[in-house]
């Protein structure tokens, strides 16, 4: 089932639209438009490109947090050999 575009008036008395999922949850909210005609034109543009739109990841990479081993240092065996780089204990 397809989503629904819903026109509404925001707190600044400007026209916006939101894309609603079939379950009623809001998937996206537009910027402000001066009137319904401009909002409808924007919806048309979204319909034309949304199905083929690529995903561009502009989010920063997550910080990698290395967890400390729960053992004491003498109980932790190295993963790589110190001399050859081969697997096994040093």
PDB file of N, CA and C in Angstrom:
ATOM      1  N   UNK A   1       0.844  -1.180   0.000  1.00  0.00           N
ATOM      2  CA  UNK A   1       0.000   0.000   0.000  1.00  0.00           C
ATOM      3  C   UNK A   1       0.887   1.241   0.000  1.00  0.00           C
ATOM      4  N   UNK A   2       0.504   2.233  -0.725  1.00  0.00           N
ATOM      5  CA  UNK A   2       1.287   3.461  -0.860  1.00  0.00           C
ATOM      6  C   UNK A   2       1.053   4.405   0.311  1.00  0.00           C
ATOM      7  N   UNK A   3       2.017   5.292   0.494  1.00  0.00           N
ATOM      8  CA  UNK A   3       1.862   6.331   1.499  1.00  0.00           C
ATOM      9  C   UNK A   3       0.943   7.428   0.990  1.00  0.00           C
ATOM     10  N   UNK A   4       0.711   8.418   1.829  1.00  0.00           N
ATOM     11  CA  UNK A   4      -0.183   9.530   1.499  1.00  0.00           C
ATOM     12  C   UNK A   4       0.540  10.844   1.752  1.00  0.00           C
ATOM     13  N   UNK A   5       0.411  11.777   0.816  1.00  0.00           N
ATOM     14  CA  UNK A   5       0.900  13.128   1.030  1.00  0.00           C
ATOM     15  C   UNK A   5      -0.237  13.929   1.648  1.00  0.00           C
ATOM     16  N   UNK A   6       0.060  14.633   2.719  1.00  0.00           N
ATOM     17  CA  UNK A   6      -0.952  15.392   3.449  1.00  0.00           C
ATOM     18  C   UNK A   6      -0.520  16.850   3.535  1.00  0.00           C
ATOM     19  N   UNK A   7      -1.334  17.744   2.995  1.00  0.00           N
ATOM     20  CA  UNK A   7      -1.060  19.174   3.118  1.00  0.00           C
ATOM     21  C   UNK A   7      -1.532  19.658   4.489  1.00  0.00           C
ATOM     22  N   UNK A   8      -0.767  20.565   5.085  1.00  0.00           N
ATOM     23  CA  UNK A   8      -1.191  21.142   6.366  1.00  0.00           C
ATOM     24  C   UNK A   8      -0.604  22.534   6.506  1.00  0.00           C
ATOM     25  N   UNK A   9      -1.132  23.284   7.456  1.00  0.00           N
ATOM     26  CA  UNK A   9      -0.650  24.635   7.762  1.00  0.00           C
ATOM     27  C   UNK A   9       0.158  24.548   9.050  1.00  0.00           C
ATOM     28  N   UNK A  10       1.399  25.059   9.012  1.00  0.00           N
ATOM     29  CA  UNK A  10       2.260  24.970  10.194  1.00  0.00           C
ATOM     30  C   UNK A  10       2.025  26.128  11.161  1.00  0.00           C
ATOM     31  N   UNK A  11       2.851  26.207  12.201  1.00  0.00           N
ATOM     32  CA  UNK A  11       2.669  27.233  13.236  1.00  0.00           C
ATOM     33  C   UNK A  11       2.950  28.648  12.719  1.00  0.00           C
ATOM     34  N   UNK A  12       3.632  28.751  11.574  1.00  0.00           N
ATOM     35  CA  UNK A  12       3.883  30.065  10.963  1.00  0.00           C
ATOM     36  C   UNK A  12       2.839  30.414   9.908  1.00  0.00           C
ATOM     37  N   UNK A  13       1.756  29.640   9.854  1.00  0.00           N
ATOM     38  CA  UNK A  13       0.669  29.823   8.882  1.00  0.00           C
ATOM     39  C   UNK A  13       1.139  29.643   7.437  1.00  0.00           C
ATOM     40  N   UNK A  14       2.106  28.773   7.238  1.00  0.00           N
ATOM     41  CA  UNK A  14       2.622  28.450   5.907  1.00  0.00           C
ATOM     42  C   UNK A  14       2.200  27.026   5.546  1.00  0.00           C
ATOM     43  N   UNK A  15       2.082  26.769   4.264  1.00  0.00           N
ATOM     44  CA  UNK A  15       1.686  25.446   3.775  1.00  0.00           C
ATOM     45  C   UNK A  15       2.895  24.521   3.762  1.00  0.00           C
ATOM     46  N   UNK A  16       2.709  23.317   4.219  1.00  0.00           N
ATOM     47  CA  UNK A  16       3.712  22.253   4.181  1.00  0.00           C
ATOM     48  C   UNK A  16       3.010  20.968   3.788  1.00  0.00           C
ATOM     49  N   UNK A  17       3.797  19.936   3.503  1.00  0.00           N
ATOM     50  CA  UNK A  17       3.206  18.608   3.338  1.00  0.00           C
ATOM     51  C   UNK A  17       4.036  17.597   4.106  1.00  0.00           C
ATOM     52  N   UNK A  18       3.387  16.525   4.459  1.00  0.00           N
ATOM     53  CA  UNK A  18       4.088  15.422   5.112  1.00  0.00           C
ATOM     54  C   UNK A  18       3.732  14.140   4.380  1.00  0.00           C
ATOM     55  N   UNK A  19       4.668  13.240   4.332  1.00  0.00           N
ATOM     56  CA  UNK A  19       4.441  11.929   3.745  1.00  0.00           C
ATOM     57  C   UNK A  19       4.108  10.982   4.880  1.00  0.00           C
ATOM     58  N   UNK A  20       2.922  10.378   4.785  1.00  0.00           N
ATOM     59  CA  UNK A  20       2.427   9.490   5.838  1.00  0.00           C
ATOM     60  C   UNK A  20       2.509   8.044   5.361  1.00  0.00           C
ATOM     61  N   UNK A  21       2.982   7.175   6.228  1.00  0.00           N
ATOM     62  CA  UNK A  21       3.006   5.739   5.943  1.00  0.00           C
ATOM     63  C   UNK A  21       1.590   5.192   6.072  1.00  0.00           C
ATOM     64  N   UNK A  22       1.331   4.007   5.519  1.00  0.00           N
ATOM     65  CA  UNK A  22      -0.002   3.412   5.644  1.00  0.00           C
ATOM     66  C   UNK A  22      -0.466   3.241   7.096  1.00  0.00           C
ATOM     67  N   UNK A  23       0.493   3.086   8.027  1.00  0.00           N
ATOM     68  CA  UNK A  23       0.110   2.929   9.435  1.00  0.00           C
ATOM     69  C   UNK A  23      -0.123   4.257  10.150  1.00  0.00           C
ATOM     70  N   UNK A  24       0.031   5.382   9.409  1.00  0.00           N
ATOM     71  CA  UNK A  24      -0.224   6.694   9.992  1.00  0.00           C
ATOM     72  C   UNK A  24       1.009   7.398  10.525  1.00  0.00           C
ATOM     73  N   UNK A  25       2.161   6.746  10.519  1.00  0.00           N
ATOM     74  CA  UNK A  25       3.364   7.401  11.008  1.00  0.00           C
ATOM     75  C   UNK A  25       3.894   8.370   9.949  1.00  0.00           C
ATOM     76  N   UNK A  26       4.546   9.420  10.426  1.00  0.00           N
ATOM     77  CA  UNK A  26       5.088  10.449   9.539  1.00  0.00           C
ATOM     78  C   UNK A  26       6.468  10.008   9.059  1.00  0.00           C
ATOM     79  N   UNK A  27       6.637   9.930   7.730  1.00  0.00           N
ATOM     80  CA  UNK A  27       7.918   9.534   7.151  1.00  0.00           C
ATOM     81  C   UNK A  27       8.793  10.729   6.807  1.00  0.00           C
ATOM     82  N   UNK A  28       8.173  11.835   6.390  1.00  0.00           N
ATOM     83  CA  UNK A  28       8.925  13.021   6.002  1.00  0.00           C
ATOM     84  C   UNK A  28       8.030  14.248   6.100  1.00  0.00           C
ATOM     85  N   UNK A  29       8.663  15.388   6.361  1.00  0.00           N
ATOM     86  CA  UNK A  29       7.946  16.665   6.409  1.00  0.00           C
ATOM     87  C   UNK A  29       8.699  17.643   5.507  1.00  0.00           C
ATOM     88  N   UNK A  30       7.968  18.367   4.695  1.00  0.00           N
ATOM     89  CA  UNK A  30       8.572  19.305   3.754  1.00  0.00           C
ATOM     90  C   UNK A  30       8.959  20.608   4.426  1.00  0.00           C
ATOM     91  N   UNK A  31       9.582  21.447   3.632  1.00  0.00           N
ATOM     92  CA  UNK A  31       9.802  22.827   4.028  1.00  0.00           C
ATOM     93  C   UNK A  31       8.521  23.621   3.813  1.00  0.00           C
ATOM     94  N   UNK A  32       8.599  24.926   4.009  1.00  0.00           N
ATOM     95  CA  UNK A  32       7.429  25.791   3.866  1.00  0.00           C
ATOM     96  C   UNK A  32       7.233  26.222   2.418  1.00  0.00           C
ATOM     97  N   UNK A  33       5.969  26.372   2.025  1.00  0.00           N
ATOM     98  CA  UNK A  33       5.598  26.838   0.691  1.00  0.00           C
ATOM     99  C   UNK A  33       4.636  28.004   0.836  1.00  0.00           C
ATOM    100  N   UNK A  34       4.657  28.928  -0.133  1.00  0.00           N
ATOM    101  CA  UNK A  34       3.779  30.103  -0.030  1.00  0.00           C
ATOM    102  C   UNK A  34       2.304  29.773  -0.248  1.00  0.00           C
ATOM    103  N   UNK A  35       2.020  28.672  -0.976  1.00  0.00           N
ATOM    104  CA  UNK A  35       0.625  28.307  -1.213  1.00  0.00           C
ATOM    105  C   UNK A  35       0.524  26.834  -1.605  1.00  0.00           C
ATOM    106  N   UNK A  36      -0.714  26.365  -1.744  1.00  0.00           N
ATOM    107  CA  UNK A  36      -0.941  24.955  -2.063  1.00  0.00           C
ATOM    108  C   UNK A  36      -0.413  24.581  -3.449  1.00  0.00           C
ATOM    109  N   UNK A  37      -0.461  25.516  -4.375  1.00  0.00           N
ATOM    110  CA  UNK A  37       0.031  25.252  -5.730  1.00  0.00           C
ATOM    111  C   UNK A  37       1.520  24.884  -5.706  1.00  0.00           C
ATOM    112  N   UNK A  38       2.323  25.638  -4.978  1.00  0.00           N
ATOM    113  CA  UNK A  38       3.752  25.359  -4.882  1.00  0.00           C
ATOM    114  C   UNK A  38       4.010  24.040  -4.136  1.00  0.00           C
ATOM    115  N   UNK A  39       3.226  23.780  -3.107  1.00  0.00           N
ATOM    116  CA  UNK A  39       3.376  22.523  -2.366  1.00  0.00           C
ATOM    117  C   UNK A  39       3.031  21.332  -3.258  1.00  0.00           C
ATOM    118  N   UNK A  40       1.972  21.459  -4.053  1.00  0.00           N
ATOM    119  CA  UNK A  40       1.570  20.378  -4.960  1.00  0.00           C
ATOM    120  C   UNK A  40       2.636  20.138  -6.022  1.00  0.00           C
ATOM    121  N   UNK A  41       3.275  21.195  -6.510  1.00  0.00           N
ATOM    122  CA  UNK A  41       4.357  21.040  -7.482  1.00  0.00           C
ATOM    123  C   UNK A  41       5.543  20.308  -6.857  1.00  0.00           C
ATOM    124  N   UNK A  42       5.829  20.597  -5.601  1.00  0.00           N
ATOM    125  CA  UNK A  42       6.919  19.917  -4.899  1.00  0.00           C
ATOM    126  C   UNK A  42       6.589  18.441  -4.689  1.00  0.00           C
ATOM    127  N   UNK A  43       5.338  18.133  -4.378  1.00  0.00           N
ATOM    128  CA  UNK A  43       4.915  16.735  -4.225  1.00  0.00           C
ATOM    129  C   UNK A  43       5.106  15.994  -5.537  1.00  0.00           C
ATOM    130  N   UNK A  44       4.767  16.648  -6.643  1.00  0.00           N
ATOM    131  CA  UNK A  44       4.954  16.043  -7.966  1.00  0.00           C
ATOM    132  C   UNK A  44       6.428  15.717  -8.190  1.00  0.00           C
ATOM    133  N   UNK A  45       7.306  16.644  -7.832  1.00  0.00           N
ATOM    134  CA  UNK A  45       8.746  16.417  -7.976  1.00  0.00           C
ATOM    135  C   UNK A  45       9.222  15.247  -7.114  1.00  0.00           C
ATOM    136  N   UNK A  46       8.723  15.185  -5.892  1.00  0.00           N
ATOM    137  CA  UNK A  46       9.100  14.085  -4.996  1.00  0.00           C
ATOM    138  C   UNK A  46       8.646  12.756  -5.581  1.00  0.00           C
ATOM    139  N   UNK A  47       7.423  12.707  -6.083  1.00  0.00           N
ATOM    140  CA  UNK A  47       6.910  11.474  -6.688  1.00  0.00           C
ATOM    141  C   UNK A  47       7.775  11.011  -7.854  1.00  0.00           C
ATOM    142  N   UNK A  48       8.263  11.959  -8.661  1.00  0.00           N
ATOM    143  CA  UNK A  48       9.054  11.605  -9.833  1.00  0.00           C
ATOM    144  C   UNK A  48      10.421  11.049  -9.482  1.00  0.00           C
ATOM    145  N   UNK A  49      11.044  11.550  -8.444  1.00  0.00           N
ATOM    146  CA  UNK A  49      12.418  11.130  -8.170  1.00  0.00           C
ATOM    147  C   UNK A  49      12.572  10.196  -6.971  1.00  0.00           C
ATOM    148  N   UNK A  50      11.572  10.077  -6.124  1.00  0.00           N
ATOM    149  CA  UNK A  50      11.734   9.292  -4.896  1.00  0.00           C
ATOM    150  C   UNK A  50      11.979   7.814  -5.158  1.00  0.00           C
ATOM    151  N   UNK A  51      11.315   7.251  -6.152  1.00  0.00           N
ATOM    152  CA  UNK A  51      11.472   5.824  -6.406  1.00  0.00           C
ATOM    153  C   UNK A  51      12.841   5.445  -6.913  1.00  0.00           C
ATOM    154  N   UNK A  52      13.535   6.360  -7.544  1.00  0.00           N
ATOM    155  CA  UNK A  52      14.843   6.061  -8.102  1.00  0.00           C
ATOM    156  C   UNK A  52      15.956   6.812  -7.390  1.00  0.00           C
ATOM    157  N   UNK A  53      15.615   7.506  -6.342  1.00  0.00           N
ATOM    158  CA  UNK A  53      16.614   8.311  -5.646  1.00  0.00           C
ATOM    159  C   UNK A  53      17.686   7.457  -4.982  1.00  0.00           C
ATOM    160  N   UNK A  54      18.923   7.900  -5.107  1.00  0.00           N
ATOM    161  CA  UNK A  54      20.042   7.222  -4.467  1.00  0.00           C
ATOM    162  C   UNK A  54      20.150   7.676  -3.024  1.00  0.00           C
ATOM    163  N   UNK A  55      20.847   6.921  -2.231  1.00  0.00           N
ATOM    164  CA  UNK A  55      21.099   7.282  -0.837  1.00  0.00           C
ATOM    165  C   UNK A  55      22.502   7.866  -0.749  1.00  0.00           C
ATOM    166  N   UNK A  56      22.614   9.070  -0.214  1.00  0.00           N
ATOM    167  CA  UNK A  56      23.912   9.700   0.006  1.00  0.00           C
ATOM    168  C   UNK A  56      24.110   9.816   1.504  1.00  0.00           C
ATOM    169  N   UNK A  57      25.155   9.207   2.009  1.00  0.00           N
ATOM    170  CA  UNK A  57      25.428   9.205   3.441  1.00  0.00           C
ATOM    171  C   UNK A  57      26.227  10.445   3.803  1.00  0.00           C
ATOM    172  N   UNK A  58      25.565  11.433   4.378  1.00  0.00           N
ATOM    173  CA  UNK A  58      26.226  12.664   4.804  1.00  0.00           C
ATOM    174  C   UNK A  58      26.411  12.694   6.319  1.00  0.00           C
ATOM    175  N   UNK A  59      26.080  11.594   6.978  1.00  0.00           N
ATOM    176  CA  UNK A  59      26.215  11.519   8.431  1.00  0.00           C
ATOM    177  C   UNK A  59      27.666  11.196   8.796  1.00  0.00           C
ATOM    178  N   UNK A  60      28.169  11.760   9.883  1.00  0.00           N
ATOM    179  CA  UNK A  60      29.535  11.433  10.288  1.00  0.00           C
ATOM    180  C   UNK A  60      29.628   9.968  10.710  1.00  0.00           C
ATOM    181  N   UNK A  61      30.814   9.404  10.577  1.00  0.00           N
ATOM    182  CA  UNK A  61      31.027   8.020  10.993  1.00  0.00           C
ATOM    183  C   UNK A  61      30.856   7.924  12.502  1.00  0.00           C
ATOM    184  N   UNK A  62      30.272   6.836  12.974  1.00  0.00           N
ATOM    185  CA  UNK A  62      30.104   6.696  14.425  1.00  0.00           C
ATOM    186  C   UNK A  62      31.464   6.531  15.097  1.00  0.00           C
ATOM    187  N   UNK A  63      31.563   7.026  16.307  1.00  0.00           N
ATOM    188  CA  UNK A  63      32.793   6.847  17.077  1.00  0.00           C
ATOM    189  C   UNK A  63      32.890   5.401  17.509  1.00  0.00           C
ATOM    190  N   UNK A  64      34.032   4.808  17.254  1.00  0.00           N
ATOM    191  CA  UNK A  64      34.232   3.430  17.682  1.00  0.00           C
ATOM    192  C   UNK A  64      34.726   3.435  19.114  1.00  0.00           C
ATOM    193  N   UNK A  65      34.003   2.755  19.952  1.00  0.00           N
ATOM    194  CA  UNK A  65      34.381   2.668  21.357  1.00  0.00           C
ATOM    195  C   UNK A  65      34.881   1.254  21.588  1.00  0.00           C
ATOM    196  N   UNK A  66      36.128   1.139  21.984  1.00  0.00           N
ATOM    197  CA  UNK A  66      36.703  -0.174  22.257  1.00  0.00           C
ATOM    198  C   UNK A  66      36.444  -0.524  23.710  1.00  0.00           C
ATOM    199  N   UNK A  67      35.782  -1.627  23.886  1.00  0.00           N
ATOM    200  CA  UNK A  67      35.483  -2.071  25.250  1.00  0.00           C
ATOM    201  C   UNK A  67      36.730  -2.674  25.860  1.00  0.00           C
ATOM    202  N   UNK A  68      36.936  -2.418  27.122  1.00  0.00           N
ATOM    203  CA  UNK A  68      38.073  -3.013  27.826  1.00  0.00           C
ATOM    204  C   UNK A  68      37.744  -4.465  28.136  1.00  0.00           C
ATOM    205  N   UNK A  69      38.757  -5.298  28.029  1.00  0.00           N
ATOM    206  CA  UNK A  69      38.575  -6.714  28.353  1.00  0.00           C
ATOM    207  C   UNK A  69      38.279  -6.842  29.840  1.00  0.00           C
ATOM    208  N   UNK A  70      37.404  -7.765  30.211  1.00  0.00           N
ATOM    209  CA  UNK A  70      37.066  -7.922  31.623  1.00  0.00           C
ATOM    210  C   UNK A  70      38.147  -8.656  32.408  1.00  0.00           C
ATOM    211  N   UNK A  71      39.230  -9.081  31.746  1.00  0.00           N
ATOM    212  CA  UNK A  71      40.286  -9.822  32.415  1.00  0.00           C
ATOM    213  C   UNK A  71      41.431  -8.903  32.774  1.00  0.00           C
ATOM    214  N   UNK A  72      42.289  -9.396  33.629  1.00  0.00           N
ATOM    215  CA  UNK A  72      43.516  -8.675  33.945  1.00  0.00           C
ATOM    216  C   UNK A  72      44.486  -8.830  32.784  1.00  0.00           C
ATOM    217  N   UNK A  73      45.436  -7.952  32.698  1.00  0.00           N
ATOM    218  CA  UNK A  73      46.408  -7.972  31.610  1.00  0.00           C
ATOM    219  C   UNK A  73      47.145  -9.289  31.463  1.00  0.00           C
ATOM    220  N   UNK A  74      47.468  -9.971  32.576  1.00  0.00           N
ATOM    221  CA  UNK A  74      48.231 -11.222  32.491  1.00  0.00           C
ATOM    222  C   UNK A  74      47.378 -12.359  31.931  1.00  0.00           C
ATOM    223  N   UNK A  75      46.069 -12.223  31.946  1.00  0.00           N
ATOM    224  CA  UNK A  75      45.196 -13.280  31.461  1.00  0.00           C
ATOM    225  C   UNK A  75      44.831 -13.109  29.990  1.00  0.00           C
ATOM    226  N   UNK A  76      45.143 -11.956  29.407  1.00  0.00           N
ATOM    227  CA  UNK A  76      44.766 -11.695  28.024  1.00  0.00           C
ATOM    228  C   UNK A  76      45.891 -12.144  27.115  1.00  0.00           C
ATOM    229  N   UNK A  77      45.594 -13.027  26.147  1.00  0.00           N
ATOM    230  CA  UNK A  77      46.602 -13.491  25.209  1.00  0.00           C
ATOM    231  C   UNK A  77      46.506 -12.647  23.942  1.00  0.00           C
ATOM    232  N   UNK A  78      47.621 -12.285  23.359  1.00  0.00           N
ATOM    233  CA  UNK A  78      47.560 -11.509  22.128  1.00  0.00           C
ATOM    234  C   UNK A  78      46.985 -12.330  20.989  1.00  0.00           C
ATOM    235  N   UNK A  79      46.282 -11.678  20.088  1.00  0.00           N
ATOM    236  CA  UNK A  79      45.664 -12.339  18.949  1.00  0.00           C
ATOM    237  C   UNK A  79      46.701 -12.672  17.887  1.00  0.00           C
ATOM    238  N   UNK A  80      47.677 -11.789  17.687  1.00  0.00           N
ATOM    239  CA  UNK A  80      48.714 -12.012  16.684  1.00  0.00           C
ATOM    240  C   UNK A  80      50.062 -12.216  17.353  1.00  0.00           C
ATOM    241  N   UNK A  81      50.878 -13.066  16.742  1.00  0.00           N
ATOM    242  CA  UNK A  81      52.215 -13.273  17.254  1.00  0.00           C
ATOM    243  C   UNK A  81      53.011 -11.987  17.088  1.00  0.00           C
ATOM    244  N   UNK A  82      53.827 -11.653  18.042  1.00  0.00           N
ATOM    245  CA  UNK A  82      54.610 -10.412  17.980  1.00  0.00           C
ATOM    246  C   UNK A  82      55.710 -10.489  16.920  1.00  0.00           C
ATOM    247  N   UNK A  83      56.164 -11.679  16.591  1.00  0.00           N
ATOM    248  CA  UNK A  83      57.280 -11.789  15.657  1.00  0.00           C
ATOM    249  C   UNK A  83      56.855 -12.019  14.219  1.00  0.00           C
ATOM    250  N   UNK A  84      55.839 -12.830  13.997  1.00  0.00           N
ATOM    251  CA  UNK A  84      55.488 -13.183  12.630  1.00  0.00           C
ATOM    252  C   UNK A  84      54.174 -12.561  12.152  1.00  0.00           C
ATOM    253  N   UNK A  85      53.364 -12.102  13.073  1.00  0.00           N
ATOM    254  CA  UNK A  85      52.067 -11.602  12.695  1.00  0.00           C
ATOM    255  C   UNK A  85      51.052 -12.733  12.473  1.00  0.00           C
ATOM    256  N   UNK A  86      51.499 -13.974  12.738  1.00  0.00           N
ATOM    257  CA  UNK A  86      50.609 -15.124  12.583  1.00  0.00           C
ATOM    258  C   UNK A  86      49.705 -15.247  13.785  1.00  0.00           C
ATOM    259  N   UNK A  87      48.587 -15.950  13.600  1.00  0.00           N
ATOM    260  CA  UNK A  87      47.665 -16.151  14.716  1.00  0.00           C
ATOM    261  C   UNK A  87      48.316 -16.992  15.801  1.00  0.00           C
ATOM    262  N   UNK A  88      47.940 -16.719  17.012  1.00  0.00           N
ATOM    263  CA  UNK A  88      48.430 -17.522  18.123  1.00  0.00           C
ATOM    264  C   UNK A  88      48.981 -16.670  19.225  1.00  0.00           C
ATOM    265  N   UNK A  89      49.345 -17.319  20.320  1.00  0.00           N
ATOM    266  CA  UNK A  89      49.874 -16.614  21.483  1.00  0.00           C
ATOM    267  C   UNK A  89      51.346 -16.305  21.279  1.00  0.00           C
ATOM    268  N   UNK A  90      51.820 -15.271  21.939  1.00  0.00           N
ATOM    269  CA  UNK A  90      53.222 -14.876  21.817  1.00  0.00           C
ATOM    270  C   UNK A  90      54.063 -15.650  22.807  1.00  0.00           C
TER     271      UNK A  90
END
